[in-house]
Amino acid sequence: MDYVLLIISGLVIGLIVAVPIGPVNLICIRRTLAFGPSNGFMAGLGAAAGDGVFAIVTGFGLTAVSQLIEGFSIPLEMAGGALLLFFGWHTFFTDPHLRDADKLVYRQNGAGSLAGAMASTFALTITNPATLLAFAGLIAGFGGLAGAREPSFVSAAFVVAGVIGGSTAWWLTLTTVVGLFHARIDDGVMHVINRVSGFLIASFGVAVLTHLLLKML
């Protein structure tokens, strides 16, 4: 098994979950604009920590289950590919608005606190059960592409590390770009981000399903 591919798979999963412009992205953008890149990045780290928890639960959970139940790799990969297609479609056709994040940012306690910024987005991420299901499908789908036919706790650890790294990389990139080009960030820019990321996510879904089809032939 190629552990480099597992890390890359984790990086891609982390980016897929983090990139689509949703509440957490909007909060990070608003915090960056209001309190600076450091505050926005800490808010992003809170989301990355939440993603890491979900990745641990699903990655090690799927590993434990796979050691007890055999023969479900094809349905899991199929579900993962379908989920990627759905994520891509939903992201592509979602029109985010910066003003939607205003109340979310300013009603939180300690809006200017780094610890408060991280805690708020961690809570927002960890209390979304849909994310747990998303990670289950994504890890199953990309595990097939990475050649993880015999999952182990070691391979799961590489994927989890990749997820946290990918998510963190996105928040660092987002807050740095917003900090540098804050005057040019508007709904139109985020609209383009959603279109591009939606297309790329759907493309990964096609890759997963194509890989599965070729494996079944």
Protein backbone atom coordinates (compact mmCIF):
# COMPACT_ATOMS: atom_id res chain seq x y z
CA MET A 1 0.00 0.00 0.00
CA ASP A 2 1.32 3.43 -0.90
CA TYR A 3 1.09 5.62 2.20
CA VAL A 4 1.87 8.69 0.11
CA LEU A 5 -1.38 8.09 -1.78
CA LEU A 6 -3.23 7.76 1.52
CA ILE A 7 -1.89 11.12 2.71
CA ILE A 8 -2.79 12.70 -0.64
CA SER A 9 -6.28 11.20 -0.37
CA GLY A 10 -6.61 12.70 3.11
CA LEU A 11 -5.44 16.09 1.83
CA VAL A 12 -8.03 16.01 -0.94
CA ILE A 13 -10.79 15.00 1.49
CA GLY A 14 -9.83 17.81 3.85
CA LEU A 15 -9.95 20.31 0.99
CA ILE A 16 -13.26 18.96 -0.34
CA VAL A 17 -14.91 19.40 3.04
CA ALA A 18 -13.35 22.80 3.75
CA VAL A 19 -13.40 24.63 0.40
CA PRO A 20 -17.15 24.92 -0.37
CA ILE A 21 -18.36 28.33 0.78
CA GLY A 22 -20.63 27.66 3.73
CA PRO A 23 -21.16 29.12 7.22
CA VAL A 24 -17.64 28.37 8.46
CA ASN A 25 -15.98 29.89 5.38
CA LEU A 26 -18.16 32.97 5.71
CA ILE A 27 -17.30 33.32 9.39
CA CYS A 28 -13.57 33.01 8.66
CA ILE A 29 -13.82 35.61 5.91
CA ARG A 30 -15.73 38.01 8.13
CA ARG A 31 -13.36 37.51 11.06
CA THR A 32 -10.41 38.15 8.78
CA LEU A 33 -11.99 41.35 7.51
CA ALA A 34 -13.02 42.51 10.99
CA PHE A 35 -10.14 41.33 13.20
CA GLY A 36 -7.29 40.38 10.87
CA PRO A 37 -5.87 37.21 9.25
CA SER A 38 -4.69 35.69 12.56
CA ASN A 39 -8.20 35.72 14.00
CA GLY A 40 -9.66 34.32 10.79
CA PHE A 41 -7.04 31.56 10.66
CA MET A 42 -7.74 30.55 14.27
CA ALA A 43 -11.41 30.27 13.36
CA GLY A 44 -10.36 28.02 10.49
CA LEU A 45 -8.24 25.89 12.85
CA GLY A 46 -11.36 25.31 14.91
CA ALA A 47 -13.06 23.89 11.85
CA ALA A 48 -9.94 21.85 10.99
CA ALA A 49 -9.98 20.38 14.51
CA GLY A 50 -13.64 19.46 14.06
CA ASP A 51 -12.83 17.86 10.70
CA GLY A 52 -10.02 15.94 12.39
CA VAL A 53 -12.43 14.54 14.98
CA PHE A 54 -14.82 13.38 12.27
CA ALA A 55 -11.92 11.90 10.26
CA ILE A 56 -10.74 9.97 13.33
CA VAL A 57 -14.22 8.65 14.07
CA THR A 58 -14.91 7.58 10.49
CA GLY A 59 -11.38 6.51 9.53
CA PHE A 60 -10.70 4.34 12.58
CA GLY A 61 -14.35 3.33 12.78
CA LEU A 62 -14.38 2.08 9.19
CA THR A 63 -11.12 0.28 9.90
CA ALA A 64 -12.62 -1.54 12.88
CA VAL A 65 -15.76 -2.42 10.95
CA SER A 66 -13.77 -3.62 7.94
CA GLN A 67 -11.99 -6.13 10.15
CA LEU A 68 -15.34 -7.65 11.13
CA ILE A 69 -17.40 -7.30 7.93
CA GLU A 70 -16.14 -8.16 4.48
CA GLY A 71 -17.58 -7.59 1.04
CA PHE A 72 -18.85 -4.00 1.43
CA SER A 73 -16.02 -2.16 -0.30
CA ILE A 74 -17.93 -1.77 -3.58
CA PRO A 75 -21.12 -0.30 -2.02
CA LEU A 76 -19.02 2.04 0.14
CA GLU A 77 -16.99 3.27 -2.82
CA MET A 78 -20.18 3.73 -4.81
CA ALA A 79 -21.70 5.75 -1.97
CA GLY A 80 -18.52 7.83 -1.73
CA GLY A 81 -18.52 8.61 -5.45
CA ALA A 82 -22.22 9.49 -5.41
CA LEU A 83 -21.65 11.73 -2.40
CA LEU A 84 -18.88 13.57 -4.21
CA LEU A 85 -21.18 14.15 -7.17
CA PHE A 86 -23.85 15.51 -4.83
CA PHE A 87 -21.36 17.77 -3.04
CA GLY A 88 -20.13 19.06 -6.37
CA TRP A 89 -23.64 19.74 -7.65
CA HIS A 90 -24.73 21.44 -4.42
CA THR A 91 -21.59 23.58 -4.21
CA PHE A 92 -21.74 24.59 -7.87
CA PHE A 93 -25.32 25.88 -7.60
CA THR A 94 -25.01 27.54 -4.17
CA ASP A 95 -24.80 31.34 -4.16
CA PRO A 96 -23.18 32.52 -0.90
CA HIS A 97 -23.57 36.04 0.45
CA LEU A 98 -21.12 37.69 2.82
CA ARG A 99 -23.88 39.51 4.65
CA ASP A 100 -25.28 36.14 5.78
CA ALA A 101 -22.26 35.74 8.07
CA ASP A 102 -22.55 39.10 9.83
CA LYS A 103 -24.89 37.93 12.59
CA LEU A 104 -22.97 34.66 13.03
CA VAL A 105 -19.74 36.55 13.69
CA TYR A 106 -20.87 39.39 15.89
CA ARG A 107 -23.26 37.46 18.11
CA GLN A 108 -20.49 35.12 19.26
CA ASN A 109 -18.81 35.76 22.62
CA GLY A 110 -15.33 37.22 22.43
CA ALA A 111 -15.46 38.03 18.74
CA GLY A 112 -11.92 39.39 18.88
CA SER A 113 -10.52 36.51 20.98
CA LEU A 114 -8.36 33.93 19.21
CA ALA A 115 -9.53 31.19 21.58
CA GLY A 116 -13.12 32.27 21.10
CA ALA A 117 -12.71 32.26 17.33
CA MET A 118 -11.38 28.70 17.36
CA ALA A 119 -13.93 27.40 19.86
CA SER A 120 -16.91 28.84 17.98
CA THR A 121 -16.11 27.23 14.63
CA PHE A 122 -15.10 23.95 16.31
CA ALA A 123 -18.53 23.82 17.95
CA LEU A 124 -20.23 24.75 14.68
CA THR A 125 -18.39 21.97 12.83
CA ILE A 126 -18.67 19.22 15.42
CA THR A 127 -22.41 19.70 15.89
CA ASN A 128 -23.17 19.02 12.21
CA PRO A 129 -23.99 15.29 11.91
CA ALA A 130 -24.13 15.50 8.11
CA THR A 131 -20.36 16.04 8.12
CA LEU A 132 -19.84 12.68 9.81
CA LEU A 133 -21.77 10.91 7.06
CA ALA A 134 -19.84 12.89 4.46
CA PHE A 135 -16.50 11.76 5.86
CA ALA A 136 -17.64 8.13 5.90
CA GLY A 137 -18.43 8.25 2.19
CA LEU A 138 -15.37 10.28 1.23
CA ILE A 139 -12.90 8.12 3.14
CA ALA A 140 -14.44 4.97 1.68
CA GLY A 141 -14.35 6.39 -1.84
CA PHE A 142 -10.82 7.74 -1.76
CA GLY A 143 -9.60 4.69 0.16
CA GLY A 144 -10.43 2.67 -2.94
CA LEU A 145 -8.52 5.07 -5.19
CA ALA A 146 -5.53 4.91 -2.84
CA GLY A 147 -5.49 1.12 -2.94
CA ALA A 148 -6.56 0.64 0.68
CA ARG A 149 -8.16 -2.74 0.03
CA GLU A 150 -7.11 -4.00 3.47
CA PRO A 151 -7.68 -1.05 5.82
CA SER A 152 -5.59 -0.84 8.97
CA PHE A 153 -5.23 1.60 11.81
CA VAL A 154 -1.90 2.72 10.34
CA SER A 155 -3.45 3.54 6.96
CA ALA A 156 -6.33 5.32 8.72
CA ALA A 157 -3.81 7.43 10.65
CA PHE A 158 -2.19 8.57 7.39
CA VAL A 159 -5.58 9.55 5.97
CA VAL A 160 -6.54 11.44 9.16
CA ALA A 161 -3.22 13.33 9.08
CA GLY A 162 -3.88 14.25 5.48
CA VAL A 163 -7.41 15.46 6.26
CA ILE A 164 -6.19 17.78 9.02
CA GLY A 165 -3.36 19.01 6.81
CA GLY A 166 -5.64 19.67 3.85
CA SER A 167 -8.23 21.49 5.95
CA THR A 168 -5.58 23.59 7.69
CA ALA A 169 -3.94 24.46 4.36
CA TRP A 170 -7.26 25.77 3.04
CA TRP A 171 -7.92 28.00 6.06
CA LEU A 172 -4.38 29.40 5.89
CA THR A 173 -4.76 30.08 2.17
CA LEU A 174 -8.24 31.59 2.54
CA THR A 175 -7.40 33.97 5.37
CA THR A 176 -4.10 35.00 3.78
CA VAL A 177 -5.76 35.81 0.44
CA VAL A 178 -8.64 37.65 2.12
CA GLY A 179 -6.16 39.61 4.22
CA LEU A 180 -4.14 40.61 1.16
CA PHE A 181 -7.05 41.34 -1.16
CA HIS A 182 -9.79 42.24 1.32
CA ALA A 183 -10.94 45.19 -0.74
CA ARG A 184 -11.70 42.94 -3.71
CA ILE A 185 -13.49 40.07 -1.89
CA ASP A 186 -17.21 40.18 -2.56
CA ASP A 187 -20.13 37.89 -3.37
CA GLY A 188 -18.99 37.67 -6.99
CA VAL A 189 -15.58 36.26 -6.01
CA MET A 190 -17.15 33.67 -3.72
CA HIS A 191 -19.59 32.79 -6.49
CA VAL A 192 -16.63 31.92 -8.73
CA ILE A 193 -14.99 29.92 -5.93
CA ASN A 194 -18.13 27.83 -5.54
CA ARG A 195 -18.40 27.22 -9.27
CA VAL A 196 -14.78 26.07 -9.59
CA SER A 197 -14.73 23.97 -6.40
CA GLY A 198 -18.09 22.41 -7.27
CA PHE A 199 -16.79 21.33 -10.67
CA LEU A 200 -13.60 19.89 -9.19
CA ILE A 201 -15.46 17.99 -6.45
CA ALA A 202 -17.84 16.48 -9.01
CA SER A 203 -14.81 15.51 -11.11
CA PHE A 204 -13.41 13.56 -8.15
CA GLY A 205 -16.77 11.81 -7.89
CA VAL A 206 -16.55 10.78 -11.54
CA ALA A 207 -13.00 9.51 -10.93
CA VAL A 208 -14.11 7.39 -7.96
CA LEU A 209 -17.06 5.87 -9.85
CA THR A 210 -14.94 5.27 -12.96
CA HIS A 211 -12.30 3.52 -10.85
CA LEU A 212 -15.02 1.37 -9.30
CA LEU A 213 -16.49 0.50 -12.70
CA LEU A 214 -13.10 -0.54 -14.07
CA LYS A 215 -12.49 -2.65 -10.96
CA MET A 216 -15.80 -4.46 -11.44
CA LEU A 217 -15.17 -5.25 -15.13
